[in-house]
Amino acid sequence: MSVSLSHLGPVMLVGAGKMGLALARGWLDAGLRPNHLILVDPAPNPAAMQLAEDYGLTLNSDASGLLPDVLVLAVKPQIIDKVMESLQPIVGPHTLAISIAAGIDIARLSHGLDMGRVVRTMPNTPAQIGKGITGAVAGPDVGTEGRAVAEKLLSAAGPVVWFDDEAQLDAVTAVSGSGPAYVFHMVEALAEAGKKLGLPDAIAEQLARQTVIGSAALLEADPASPATLRQNVTSPNGTTAAGLAVLMEGLTPLIEQTTEAARKRSVELGRG
């Protein structure tokens, strides 16, 4: 089913933080009419105020009296129950709710909003530049049209992957939701290693940063598997092979432990 953002609305975004604003800017750039976007944040940051100024939007301190067709929850998991309770008067059976709060399951979202048309999602921070990826699960009351609307809104930030088993979204959170932080830490670690090898601090940081940027761009441009790309860099008995012999022995189990810890925390957040 085809959905046009220019004919969609009103869409209410509750929570104008980095991720919410990234989505909002993507919607507006993709054709959502500014007068069909409602921003709700009791303490908007300068970036939210700048977006409002750029597009002529109104920033609302609360949602009282506003009636959205689509409600997007972009608030911290720790405050979401209180926020949902405050939103109950403005939602009904016609409203489609989309949550990007980590770990909050569909049952809890449906109970908190007292309605069933709920889509639970997990985007990641590269959505801020349109390079994200989002995992999504539709609740049982979401029909074909609701799913198409959610797909259109979420795809403004990058590809959308749908799951039938909601439990898999905890794994998505651990892999792609938290994954950018793992990559950023790898850049930190690579730069620190360069400094210990005698490189000047600024040069080590530049080399590490650009190496990951370039490798990601190559990964995007080349359809070969990551394993093949790794092998293409690795000459037999060469310097890369010597480094990989150390890295590969410890990295796989470490990443498994890392993602399992993140998955367990996602499950814990869902329990409240």
C-alpha atoms as a PDB file:
ATOM      1  CA  MET A   1       0.000   0.000   0.000  1.00  0.00           C
ATOM      2  CA  SER A   2       1.422   3.391  -1.041  1.00  0.00           C
ATOM      3  CA  VAL A   3       1.410   6.267   1.447  1.00  0.00           C
ATOM      4  CA  SER A   4       2.325   9.882   0.709  1.00  0.00           C
ATOM      5  CA  LEU A   5       3.696  12.020   3.530  1.00  0.00           C
ATOM      6  CA  SER A   6       2.199  15.093   1.883  1.00  0.00           C
ATOM      7  CA  HIS A   7      -1.275  13.672   2.579  1.00  0.00           C
ATOM      8  CA  LEU A   8      -0.487  12.461   6.072  1.00  0.00           C
ATOM      9  CA  GLY A   9      -1.355  14.149   9.309  1.00  0.00           C
ATOM     10  CA  PRO A  10      -1.551  15.434  11.805  1.00  0.00           C
ATOM     11  CA  VAL A  11       1.550  13.684  13.168  1.00  0.00           C
ATOM     12  CA  MET A  12       2.466  14.399  16.785  1.00  0.00           C
ATOM     13  CA  LEU A  13       6.054  13.929  17.923  1.00  0.00           C
ATOM     14  CA  VAL A  14       6.360  13.703  21.696  1.00  0.00           C
ATOM     15  CA  GLY A  15       9.971  14.266  22.690  1.00  0.00           C
ATOM     16  CA  ALA A  16      12.129  16.587  20.604  1.00  0.00           C
ATOM     17  CA  GLY A  17      15.523  15.083  21.419  1.00  0.00           C
ATOM     18  CA  LYS A  18      18.185  14.104  18.884  1.00  0.00           C
ATOM     19  CA  MET A  19      16.401  11.035  17.547  1.00  0.00           C
ATOM     20  CA  GLY A  20      12.965  12.645  17.471  1.00  0.00           C
ATOM     21  CA  LEU A  21      14.300  15.708  15.673  1.00  0.00           C
ATOM     22  CA  ALA A  22      16.188  13.534  13.176  1.00  0.00           C
ATOM     23  CA  LEU A  23      12.937  11.782  12.299  1.00  0.00           C
ATOM     24  CA  ALA A  24      11.007  15.062  12.141  1.00  0.00           C
ATOM     25  CA  ARG A  25      13.498  16.662   9.775  1.00  0.00           C
ATOM     26  CA  GLY A  26      13.410  13.553   7.595  1.00  0.00           C
ATOM     27  CA  TRP A  27       9.594  13.683   7.425  1.00  0.00           C
ATOM     28  CA  LEU A  28       9.581  17.353   6.498  1.00  0.00           C
ATOM     29  CA  ASP A  29      12.257  16.895   3.852  1.00  0.00           C
ATOM     30  CA  ALA A  30      10.274  13.942   2.448  1.00  0.00           C
ATOM     31  CA  GLY A  31       7.092  15.989   2.038  1.00  0.00           C
ATOM     32  CA  LEU A  32       5.205  16.102   5.346  1.00  0.00           C
ATOM     33  CA  ARG A  33       3.505  19.486   5.512  1.00  0.00           C
ATOM     34  CA  PRO A  34       4.809  21.613   8.407  1.00  0.00           C
ATOM     35  CA  ASN A  35       1.263  22.446   9.544  1.00  0.00           C
ATOM     36  CA  HIS A  36       0.668  18.699   9.906  1.00  0.00           C
ATOM     37  CA  LEU A  37       3.561  18.185  12.338  1.00  0.00           C
ATOM     38  CA  ILE A  38       2.923  18.786  16.038  1.00  0.00           C
ATOM     39  CA  LEU A  39       5.971  18.993  18.303  1.00  0.00           C
ATOM     40  CA  VAL A  40       5.469  18.387  22.017  1.00  0.00           C
ATOM     41  CA  ASP A  41       8.295  18.919  24.496  1.00  0.00           C
ATOM     42  CA  PRO A  42       8.045  20.674  27.860  1.00  0.00           C
ATOM     43  CA  ALA A  43      11.695  21.752  27.735  1.00  0.00           C
ATOM     44  CA  PRO A  44      12.776  22.027  24.083  1.00  0.00           C
ATOM     45  CA  ASN A  45      16.498  22.253  23.390  1.00  0.00           C
ATOM     46  CA  PRO A  46      18.043  24.819  21.011  1.00  0.00           C
ATOM     47  CA  ALA A  47      18.000  22.331  18.132  1.00  0.00           C
ATOM     48  CA  ALA A  48      14.235  21.853  18.531  1.00  0.00           C
ATOM     49  CA  MET A  49      13.703  25.601  18.606  1.00  0.00           C
ATOM     50  CA  GLN A  50      15.835  25.971  15.483  1.00  0.00           C
ATOM     51  CA  LEU A  51      13.848  23.294  13.635  1.00  0.00           C
ATOM     52  CA  ALA A  52      10.613  25.045  14.611  1.00  0.00           C
ATOM     53  CA  GLU A  53      11.989  28.334  13.298  1.00  0.00           C
ATOM     54  CA  ASP A  54      13.295  26.778  10.062  1.00  0.00           C
ATOM     55  CA  TYR A  55       9.948  25.197   9.171  1.00  0.00           C
ATOM     56  CA  GLY A  56       7.474  27.484  10.922  1.00  0.00           C
ATOM     57  CA  LEU A  57       6.442  24.850  13.452  1.00  0.00           C
ATOM     58  CA  THR A  58       4.768  25.381  16.803  1.00  0.00           C
ATOM     59  CA  LEU A  59       6.426  23.914  19.885  1.00  0.00           C
ATOM     60  CA  ASN A  60       3.891  22.760  22.456  1.00  0.00           C
ATOM     61  CA  SER A  61       4.724  22.251  26.118  1.00  0.00           C
ATOM     62  CA  ASP A  62       2.026  19.574  26.411  1.00  0.00           C
ATOM     63  CA  ALA A  63      -0.465  17.717  24.238  1.00  0.00           C
ATOM     64  CA  SER A  64      -3.695  19.040  25.757  1.00  0.00           C
ATOM     65  CA  GLY A  65      -6.427  19.593  23.186  1.00  0.00           C
ATOM     66  CA  LEU A  66      -4.367  18.247  20.271  1.00  0.00           C
ATOM     67  CA  LEU A  67      -5.753  15.341  18.243  1.00  0.00           C
ATOM     68  CA  PRO A  68      -3.155  13.499  16.133  1.00  0.00           C
ATOM     69  CA  ASP A  69      -3.741  10.767  13.580  1.00  0.00           C
ATOM     70  CA  VAL A  70      -0.230   9.462  14.316  1.00  0.00           C
ATOM     71  CA  LEU A  71       1.505   9.694  17.672  1.00  0.00           C
ATOM     72  CA  VAL A  72       5.258   9.139  17.778  1.00  0.00           C
ATOM     73  CA  LEU A  73       6.747   8.541  21.223  1.00  0.00           C
ATOM     74  CA  ALA A  74      10.390   9.614  21.335  1.00  0.00           C
ATOM     75  CA  VAL A  75      10.917   9.852  25.085  1.00  0.00           C
ATOM     76  CA  LYS A  76      13.241   8.054  27.488  1.00  0.00           C
ATOM     77  CA  PRO A  77      12.040   4.607  28.663  1.00  0.00           C
ATOM     78  CA  GLN A  78      12.383   5.772  32.272  1.00  0.00           C
ATOM     79  CA  ILE A  79       9.600   8.389  31.896  1.00  0.00           C
ATOM     80  CA  ILE A  80       7.408   6.791  29.258  1.00  0.00           C
ATOM     81  CA  ASP A  81       4.712   5.466  31.620  1.00  0.00           C
ATOM     82  CA  LYS A  82       4.025   8.927  33.015  1.00  0.00           C
ATOM     83  CA  VAL A  83       4.048  10.426  29.515  1.00  0.00           C
ATOM     84  CA  MET A  84       1.628   7.819  28.166  1.00  0.00           C
ATOM     85  CA  GLU A  85      -0.788   8.402  31.019  1.00  0.00           C
ATOM     86  CA  SER A  86      -0.859  12.108  30.168  1.00  0.00           C
ATOM     87  CA  LEU A  87      -1.564  11.295  26.503  1.00  0.00           C
ATOM     88  CA  GLN A  88      -4.556   9.021  27.069  1.00  0.00           C
ATOM     89  CA  PRO A  89      -7.140  11.826  26.658  1.00  0.00           C
ATOM     90  CA  ILE A  90      -5.952  12.668  23.139  1.00  0.00           C
ATOM     91  CA  VAL A  91      -5.695   9.169  21.642  1.00  0.00           C
ATOM     92  CA  GLY A  92      -8.383   6.781  20.572  1.00  0.00           C
ATOM     93  CA  PRO A  93      -8.998   3.668  18.459  1.00  0.00           C
ATOM     94  CA  HIS A  94      -8.242   5.673  15.280  1.00  0.00           C
ATOM     95  CA  THR A  95      -4.793   6.794  16.480  1.00  0.00           C
ATOM     96  CA  LEU A  96      -1.646   5.017  15.316  1.00  0.00           C
ATOM     97  CA  ALA A  97       1.092   5.102  17.962  1.00  0.00           C
ATOM     98  CA  ILE A  98       4.734   4.512  17.063  1.00  0.00           C
ATOM     99  CA  SER A  99       7.270   4.125  19.864  1.00  0.00           C
ATOM    100  CA  ILE A 100      11.034   4.447  19.534  1.00  0.00           C
ATOM    101  CA  ALA A 101      11.615   3.937  23.277  1.00  0.00           C
ATOM    102  CA  ALA A 102      14.103   1.118  23.869  1.00  0.00           C
ATOM    103  CA  GLY A 103      12.763  -1.987  25.580  1.00  0.00           C
ATOM    104  CA  ILE A 104       9.134  -0.902  25.996  1.00  0.00           C
ATOM    105  CA  ASP A 105       6.993  -3.752  24.680  1.00  0.00           C
ATOM    106  CA  ILE A 106       3.679  -3.580  22.849  1.00  0.00           C
ATOM    107  CA  ALA A 107       1.650  -4.795  25.823  1.00  0.00           C
ATOM    108  CA  ARG A 108       3.035  -2.012  28.005  1.00  0.00           C
ATOM    109  CA  LEU A 109       2.521   0.590  25.274  1.00  0.00           C
ATOM    110  CA  SER A 110      -1.064  -0.534  24.697  1.00  0.00           C
ATOM    111  CA  HIS A 111      -1.810  -0.485  28.420  1.00  0.00           C
ATOM    112  CA  GLY A 112      -0.171   2.905  28.914  1.00  0.00           C
ATOM    113  CA  LEU A 113      -2.056   4.544  26.052  1.00  0.00           C
ATOM    114  CA  ASP A 114      -5.246   2.530  26.541  1.00  0.00           C
ATOM    115  CA  MET A 115      -5.372   1.708  22.824  1.00  0.00           C
ATOM    116  CA  GLY A 116      -4.161  -1.082  20.593  1.00  0.00           C
ATOM    117  CA  ARG A 117      -2.845   0.406  17.339  1.00  0.00           C
ATOM    118  CA  VAL A 118       0.798   0.374  18.422  1.00  0.00           C
ATOM    119  CA  VAL A 119       4.047  -0.132  16.508  1.00  0.00           C
ATOM    120  CA  ARG A 120       7.181  -0.743  18.558  1.00  0.00           C
ATOM    121  CA  THR A 121      10.427   0.235  16.849  1.00  0.00           C
ATOM    122  CA  MET A 122      14.157   0.462  17.438  1.00  0.00           C
ATOM    123  CA  PRO A 123      16.018   2.964  15.233  1.00  0.00           C
ATOM    124  CA  ASN A 124      19.662   3.914  15.709  1.00  0.00           C
ATOM    125  CA  THR A 125      21.563   7.185  15.837  1.00  0.00           C
ATOM    126  CA  PRO A 126      22.800   7.239  12.194  1.00  0.00           C
ATOM    127  CA  ALA A 127      19.153   8.105  11.500  1.00  0.00           C
ATOM    128  CA  GLN A 128      20.320  11.655  12.261  1.00  0.00           C
ATOM    129  CA  ILE A 129      21.951  11.728   8.814  1.00  0.00           C
ATOM    130  CA  GLY A 130      19.503   9.423   7.020  1.00  0.00           C
ATOM    131  CA  LYS A 131      21.845   6.435   7.371  1.00  0.00           C
ATOM    132  CA  GLY A 132      20.025   4.589  10.135  1.00  0.00           C
ATOM    133  CA  ILE A 133      18.220   1.281  10.230  1.00  0.00           C
ATOM    134  CA  THR A 134      15.062   0.529  12.212  1.00  0.00           C
ATOM    135  CA  GLY A 135      13.642  -2.728  13.509  1.00  0.00           C
ATOM    136  CA  ALA A 136       9.854  -2.727  13.886  1.00  0.00           C
ATOM    137  CA  VAL A 137       7.030  -4.906  15.196  1.00  0.00           C
ATOM    138  CA  ALA A 138       3.362  -4.127  14.606  1.00  0.00           C
ATOM    139  CA  GLY A 139       0.841  -4.809  17.338  1.00  0.00           C
ATOM    140  CA  PRO A 140      -2.118  -7.104  16.607  1.00  0.00           C
ATOM    141  CA  ASP A 141      -4.509  -4.165  16.062  1.00  0.00           C
ATOM    142  CA  VAL A 142      -2.333  -2.540  13.372  1.00  0.00           C
ATOM    143  CA  GLY A 143      -3.717  -3.197   9.903  1.00  0.00           C
ATOM    144  CA  THR A 144      -2.165  -2.887   6.465  1.00  0.00           C
ATOM    145  CA  GLU A 145      -2.721   0.866   6.301  1.00  0.00           C
ATOM    146  CA  GLY A 146      -1.194   1.493   9.737  1.00  0.00           C
ATOM    147  CA  ARG A 147       1.847  -0.570   8.898  1.00  0.00           C
ATOM    148  CA  ALA A 148       2.286   1.317   5.611  1.00  0.00           C
ATOM    149  CA  VAL A 149       2.094   4.658   7.441  1.00  0.00           C
ATOM    150  CA  ALA A 150       4.681   3.510   9.980  1.00  0.00           C
ATOM    151  CA  GLU A 151       6.940   2.234   7.195  1.00  0.00           C
ATOM    152  CA  LYS A 152       6.751   5.581   5.387  1.00  0.00           C
ATOM    153  CA  LEU A 153       7.595   7.602   8.485  1.00  0.00           C
ATOM    154  CA  LEU A 154      10.376   5.329   9.692  1.00  0.00           C
ATOM    155  CA  SER A 155      12.006   4.950   6.280  1.00  0.00           C
ATOM    156  CA  ALA A 156      12.759   8.677   6.253  1.00  0.00           C
ATOM    157  CA  ALA A 157      15.714   7.723   8.485  1.00  0.00           C
ATOM    158  CA  GLY A 158      16.859   4.623   6.555  1.00  0.00           C
ATOM    159  CA  PRO A 159      15.755   1.036   5.880  1.00  0.00           C
ATOM    160  CA  VAL A 160      13.055  -0.630   8.005  1.00  0.00           C
ATOM    161  CA  VAL A 161      13.178  -4.327   8.965  1.00  0.00           C
ATOM    162  CA  TRP A 162       9.911  -5.863  10.220  1.00  0.00           C
ATOM    163  CA  PHE A 163       9.685  -8.743  12.697  1.00  0.00           C
ATOM    164  CA  ASP A 164       6.795 -10.994  13.666  1.00  0.00           C
ATOM    165  CA  ASP A 165       8.381 -12.086  16.948  1.00  0.00           C
ATOM    166  CA  GLU A 166       8.547  -9.109  19.306  1.00  0.00           C
ATOM    167  CA  ALA A 167      11.268 -10.767  21.394  1.00  0.00           C
ATOM    168  CA  GLN A 168      13.632 -10.305  18.458  1.00  0.00           C
ATOM    169  CA  LEU A 169      13.468  -6.537  18.928  1.00  0.00           C
ATOM    170  CA  ASP A 170      15.547  -6.888  22.091  1.00  0.00           C
ATOM    171  CA  ALA A 171      18.241  -8.465  19.918  1.00  0.00           C
ATOM    172  CA  VAL A 172      17.833  -5.645  17.361  1.00  0.00           C
ATOM    173  CA  THR A 173      18.358  -3.170  20.198  1.00  0.00           C
ATOM    174  CA  ALA A 174      21.557  -4.970  21.192  1.00  0.00           C
ATOM    175  CA  VAL A 175      22.963  -5.181  17.656  1.00  0.00           C
ATOM    176  CA  SER A 176      21.924  -2.104  15.653  1.00  0.00           C
ATOM    177  CA  GLY A 177      20.370   0.086  18.339  1.00  0.00           C
ATOM    178  CA  SER A 178      23.456   0.060  20.563  1.00  0.00           C
ATOM    179  CA  GLY A 179      25.852  -0.902  17.763  1.00  0.00           C
ATOM    180  CA  PRO A 180      26.956   2.633  16.803  1.00  0.00           C
ATOM    181  CA  ALA A 181      28.377   3.081  20.308  1.00  0.00           C
ATOM    182  CA  TYR A 182      30.423  -0.092  19.859  1.00  0.00           C
ATOM    183  CA  VAL A 183      31.833   1.265  16.595  1.00  0.00           C
ATOM    184  CA  PHE A 184      32.617   4.651  18.129  1.00  0.00           C
ATOM    185  CA  HIS A 185      34.445   2.933  20.978  1.00  0.00           C
ATOM    186  CA  MET A 186      36.454   0.935  18.469  1.00  0.00           C
ATOM    187  CA  VAL A 187      37.598   4.242  16.942  1.00  0.00           C
ATOM    188  CA  GLU A 188      38.598   5.414  20.426  1.00  0.00           C
ATOM    189  CA  ALA A 189      40.510   2.184  21.065  1.00  0.00           C
ATOM    190  CA  LEU A 190      42.247   2.262  17.674  1.00  0.00           C
ATOM    191  CA  ALA A 191      43.312   5.867  18.229  1.00  0.00           C
ATOM    192  CA  GLU A 192      44.646   5.084  21.706  1.00  0.00           C
ATOM    193  CA  ALA A 193      46.608   2.157  20.291  1.00  0.00           C
ATOM    194  CA  GLY A 194      48.103   4.452  17.660  1.00  0.00           C
ATOM    195  CA  LYS A 195      49.202   6.901  20.360  1.00  0.00           C
ATOM    196  CA  LYS A 196      50.917   4.093  22.282  1.00  0.00           C
ATOM    197  CA  LEU A 197      52.746   3.153  19.084  1.00  0.00           C
ATOM    198  CA  GLY A 198      54.218   6.658  19.038  1.00  0.00           C
ATOM    199  CA  LEU A 199      51.860   8.605  16.761  1.00  0.00           C
ATOM    200  CA  PRO A 200      50.950  12.179  17.709  1.00  0.00           C
ATOM    201  CA  ASP A 201      47.519  12.316  19.379  1.00  0.00           C
ATOM    202  CA  ALA A 202      45.767  14.300  16.628  1.00  0.00           C
ATOM    203  CA  ILE A 203      47.204  12.136  13.861  1.00  0.00           C
ATOM    204  CA  ALA A 204      46.256   8.889  15.634  1.00  0.00           C
ATOM    205  CA  GLU A 205      42.689  10.143  16.074  1.00  0.00           C
ATOM    206  CA  GLN A 206      42.483  11.266  12.432  1.00  0.00           C
ATOM    207  CA  LEU A 207      43.795   7.936  11.149  1.00  0.00           C
ATOM    208  CA  ALA A 208      41.403   5.901  13.308  1.00  0.00           C
ATOM    209  CA  ARG A 209      38.374   8.039  12.497  1.00  0.00           C
ATOM    210  CA  GLN A 210      38.945   8.144   8.738  1.00  0.00           C
ATOM    211  CA  THR A 211      39.737   4.433   8.598  1.00  0.00           C
ATOM    212  CA  VAL A 212      36.299   3.580  10.003  1.00  0.00           C
ATOM    213  CA  ILE A 213      34.557   6.217   7.850  1.00  0.00           C
ATOM    214  CA  GLY A 214      36.230   4.891   4.697  1.00  0.00           C
ATOM    215  CA  SER A 215      35.646   1.249   5.614  1.00  0.00           C
ATOM    216  CA  ALA A 216      31.938   1.917   6.203  1.00  0.00           C
ATOM    217  CA  ALA A 217      31.672   3.697   2.856  1.00  0.00           C
ATOM    218  CA  LEU A 218      33.368   0.763   1.120  1.00  0.00           C
ATOM    219  CA  LEU A 219      31.044  -1.662   2.895  1.00  0.00           C
ATOM    220  CA  GLU A 220      28.076   0.330   1.583  1.00  0.00           C
ATOM    221  CA  ALA A 221      29.421   0.583  -1.961  1.00  0.00           C
ATOM    222  CA  ASP A 222      30.681  -2.995  -2.403  1.00  0.00           C
ATOM    223  CA  PRO A 223      28.094  -5.827  -2.346  1.00  0.00           C
ATOM    224  CA  ALA A 224      30.723  -8.362  -1.217  1.00  0.00           C
ATOM    225  CA  SER A 225      30.327  -9.881   2.231  1.00  0.00           C
ATOM    226  CA  PRO A 226      32.240  -8.374   5.178  1.00  0.00           C
ATOM    227  CA  ALA A 227      34.289 -11.561   5.311  1.00  0.00           C
ATOM    228  CA  THR A 228      35.310 -11.134   1.660  1.00  0.00           C
ATOM    229  CA  LEU A 229      36.202  -7.479   2.186  1.00  0.00           C
ATOM    230  CA  ARG A 230      38.318  -8.469   5.197  1.00  0.00           C
ATOM    231  CA  GLN A 231      40.085 -11.134   3.167  1.00  0.00           C
ATOM    232  CA  ASN A 232      40.753  -8.607   0.384  1.00  0.00           C
ATOM    233  CA  VAL A 233      42.770  -6.504   2.853  1.00  0.00           C
ATOM    234  CA  THR A 234      44.662  -9.465   4.295  1.00  0.00           C
ATOM    235  CA  SER A 235      47.791 -10.652   2.492  1.00  0.00           C
ATOM    236  CA  PRO A 236      49.073 -14.075   3.619  1.00  0.00           C
ATOM    237  CA  ASN A 237      51.632 -13.709   6.385  1.00  0.00           C
ATOM    238  CA  GLY A 238      51.396  -9.918   6.142  1.00  0.00           C
ATOM    239  CA  THR A 239      50.874  -7.181   8.715  1.00  0.00           C
ATOM    240  CA  THR A 240      47.061  -7.370   8.639  1.00  0.00           C
ATOM    241  CA  ALA A 241      47.143 -11.135   9.084  1.00  0.00           C
ATOM    242  CA  ALA A 242      49.394 -10.706  12.127  1.00  0.00           C
ATOM    243  CA  GLY A 243      46.989  -8.188  13.675  1.00  0.00           C
ATOM    244  CA  LEU A 244      43.887 -10.205  12.867  1.00  0.00           C
ATOM    245  CA  ALA A 245      45.366 -13.301  14.474  1.00  0.00           C
ATOM    246  CA  VAL A 246      45.165 -11.453  17.785  1.00  0.00           C
ATOM    247  CA  LEU A 247      41.910  -9.563  17.165  1.00  0.00           C
ATOM    248  CA  MET A 248      39.812 -12.443  15.885  1.00  0.00           C
ATOM    249  CA  GLU A 249      40.688 -14.672  18.802  1.00  0.00           C
ATOM    250  CA  GLY A 250      39.012 -12.332  21.276  1.00  0.00           C
ATOM    251  CA  LEU A 251      36.608 -10.117  19.351  1.00  0.00           C
ATOM    252  CA  THR A 252      33.875 -12.629  18.476  1.00  0.00           C
ATOM    253  CA  PRO A 253      33.227 -13.831  22.038  1.00  0.00           C
ATOM    254  CA  LEU A 254      33.549 -10.257  23.324  1.00  0.00           C
ATOM    255  CA  ILE A 255      30.907  -8.984  20.878  1.00  0.00           C
ATOM    256  CA  GLU A 256      28.653 -11.898  21.837  1.00  0.00           C
ATOM    257  CA  GLN A 257      28.970 -10.960  25.515  1.00  0.00           C
ATOM    258  CA  THR A 258      28.430  -7.276  24.711  1.00  0.00           C
ATOM    259  CA  THR A 259      25.243  -7.802  22.728  1.00  0.00           C
ATOM    260  CA  GLU A 260      23.872 -10.282  25.254  1.00  0.00           C
ATOM    261  CA  ALA A 261      24.354  -7.712  28.045  1.00  0.00           C
ATOM    262  CA  ALA A 262      22.532  -5.092  25.962  1.00  0.00           C
ATOM    263  CA  ARG A 263      19.731  -7.534  25.083  1.00  0.00           C
ATOM    264  CA  LYS A 264      19.199  -8.423  28.753  1.00  0.00           C
ATOM    265  CA  ARG A 265      19.026  -4.736  29.658  1.00  0.00           C
ATOM    266  CA  SER A 266      16.438  -4.175  26.935  1.00  0.00           C
ATOM    267  CA  VAL A 267      14.321  -6.948  28.446  1.00  0.00           C
ATOM    268  CA  GLU A 268      14.708  -5.388  31.917  1.00  0.00           C
ATOM    269  CA  LEU A 269      13.624  -1.970  30.655  1.00  0.00           C
ATOM    270  CA  GLY A 270      10.505  -3.535  29.179  1.00  0.00           C
ATOM    271  CA  ARG A 271       9.504  -4.860  32.585  1.00  0.00           C
ATOM    272  CA  GLY A 272       9.565  -1.376  34.083  1.00  0.00           C
END
